[in-house]
């Protein structure tokens, strides 16, 4: 009745709390303003620093308050460029397991460092 889906093994890698936050970003139920707004938990979706919608893409690639952490994220994944939000959130099925783990570790470090 319901199709079964295989969860990629890299989704279950790393620190549990960081993995939960990563999964919440993946599923649009994080504490980012856009997710809170879309889930009717906030009146707006605007980043308090940039005055534009605070999306996952904004969080990972554009918000200036995370520029140092972003540089580290890019350095940690330099062999996998070009990066995009989809790769950071889901990995890439054409990448090896170790390449996906590299992405997961870098994203978890980013999440931890930006708090």
Protein backbone atom coordinates (compact mmCIF):
# COMPACT_ATOMS: atom_id res chain seq x y z
CA UNK A 1 0.00 0.00 0.00
CA UNK A 2 2.76 2.46 0.93
CA UNK A 3 5.99 2.38 -1.05
CA UNK A 4 9.10 1.77 0.99
CA UNK A 5 12.04 4.06 0.54
CA UNK A 6 15.61 3.36 1.38
CA UNK A 7 17.17 5.99 3.60
CA UNK A 8 20.65 6.91 2.40
CA UNK A 9 23.22 5.70 4.95
CA UNK A 10 24.83 9.13 5.22
CA UNK A 11 21.56 10.48 6.68
CA UNK A 12 22.30 8.47 9.82
CA UNK A 13 25.91 9.58 10.22
CA UNK A 14 27.27 11.82 12.95
CA UNK A 15 26.13 13.41 16.17
CA UNK A 16 22.45 12.75 16.83
CA UNK A 17 21.47 16.34 17.66
CA UNK A 18 23.26 17.72 14.59
CA UNK A 19 21.68 14.98 12.46
CA UNK A 20 18.25 15.98 13.75
CA UNK A 21 18.85 19.63 12.89
CA UNK A 22 20.14 18.59 9.46
CA UNK A 23 17.00 16.48 8.92
CA UNK A 24 14.80 19.37 10.03
CA UNK A 25 16.48 21.64 7.48
CA UNK A 26 15.96 18.90 4.86
CA UNK A 27 12.25 18.66 5.71
CA UNK A 28 11.47 22.39 6.00
CA UNK A 29 10.72 22.20 9.70
CA UNK A 30 13.77 23.96 11.11
CA UNK A 31 13.99 27.13 13.17
CA UNK A 32 14.75 29.19 10.07
CA UNK A 33 12.26 32.02 9.69
CA UNK A 34 10.96 30.73 6.34
CA UNK A 35 10.18 27.29 7.78
CA UNK A 36 8.49 28.80 10.84
CA UNK A 37 6.43 31.07 8.60
CA UNK A 38 5.40 28.26 6.23
CA UNK A 39 4.38 26.14 9.22
CA UNK A 40 2.26 29.01 10.62
CA UNK A 41 4.52 29.52 13.63
CA UNK A 42 5.71 33.02 12.73
CA UNK A 43 4.22 36.16 11.21
CA UNK A 44 7.14 36.73 8.85
CA UNK A 45 10.02 34.97 7.15
CA UNK A 46 12.53 37.82 7.06
CA UNK A 47 16.12 37.41 8.26
CA UNK A 48 16.68 39.96 11.01
CA UNK A 49 20.15 40.76 9.63
CA UNK A 50 19.52 40.92 5.88
CA UNK A 51 15.84 41.84 5.57
CA UNK A 52 15.23 39.09 3.00
CA UNK A 53 13.57 35.67 3.46
CA UNK A 54 15.63 33.39 5.70
CA UNK A 55 15.65 30.16 3.69
CA UNK A 56 18.06 27.23 3.78
CA UNK A 57 19.78 28.70 0.75
CA UNK A 58 20.18 32.03 2.53
CA UNK A 59 21.44 30.27 5.67
CA UNK A 60 24.10 28.26 3.84
CA UNK A 61 25.16 30.68 1.09
CA UNK A 62 24.25 34.31 1.69
CA UNK A 63 23.72 35.55 5.25
CA UNK A 64 26.74 37.74 6.05
CA UNK A 65 26.80 36.89 9.74
CA UNK A 66 27.91 33.34 8.86
CA UNK A 67 30.65 34.27 6.37
CA UNK A 68 33.54 32.77 8.37
CA UNK A 69 31.69 29.51 8.95
CA UNK A 70 30.65 29.44 5.29
CA UNK A 71 34.28 29.71 4.17
CA UNK A 72 35.10 26.67 6.28
CA UNK A 73 32.12 24.79 4.83
CA UNK A 74 33.37 25.54 1.31
CA UNK A 75 36.95 24.58 2.19
CA UNK A 76 35.82 21.27 3.68
CA UNK A 77 33.95 20.46 0.47
CA UNK A 78 36.34 22.00 -2.08
CA UNK A 79 36.69 18.72 -3.98
CA UNK A 80 32.90 18.52 -4.47
CA UNK A 81 32.24 21.94 -5.97
CA UNK A 82 30.00 23.37 -7.28
CA UNK A 83 27.86 23.12 -4.17
CA UNK A 84 24.21 23.95 -3.89
CA UNK A 85 21.65 23.77 -1.11
CA UNK A 86 20.24 20.47 -2.36
CA UNK A 87 23.67 18.80 -2.14
CA UNK A 88 24.27 20.19 1.35
CA UNK A 89 20.90 18.96 2.57
CA UNK A 90 20.56 15.63 0.76
CA UNK A 91 23.97 14.68 -0.56
CA UNK A 92 24.24 13.31 -4.07
CA UNK A 93 23.46 9.77 -5.17
CA UNK A 94 26.23 9.94 -7.78
CA UNK A 95 28.81 10.68 -5.06
CA UNK A 96 30.53 7.91 -3.14
CA UNK A 97 29.56 7.14 0.44
CA UNK A 98 32.74 8.86 1.66
CA UNK A 99 32.03 11.99 -0.40
CA UNK A 100 28.52 12.18 1.08
CA UNK A 101 29.98 11.69 4.57
CA UNK A 102 32.37 14.57 3.87
CA UNK A 103 29.35 16.76 3.07
CA UNK A 104 27.47 15.63 6.19
CA UNK A 105 30.48 16.28 8.43
CA UNK A 106 30.99 19.75 6.94
CA UNK A 107 27.30 20.63 7.30
CA UNK A 108 27.28 19.42 10.90
CA UNK A 109 30.37 21.50 11.66
CA UNK A 110 28.69 24.50 10.05
CA UNK A 111 25.50 24.00 12.10
CA UNK A 112 27.50 23.62 15.30
CA UNK A 113 29.65 26.68 14.61
CA UNK A 114 26.79 29.02 13.72
CA UNK A 115 24.86 27.77 16.74
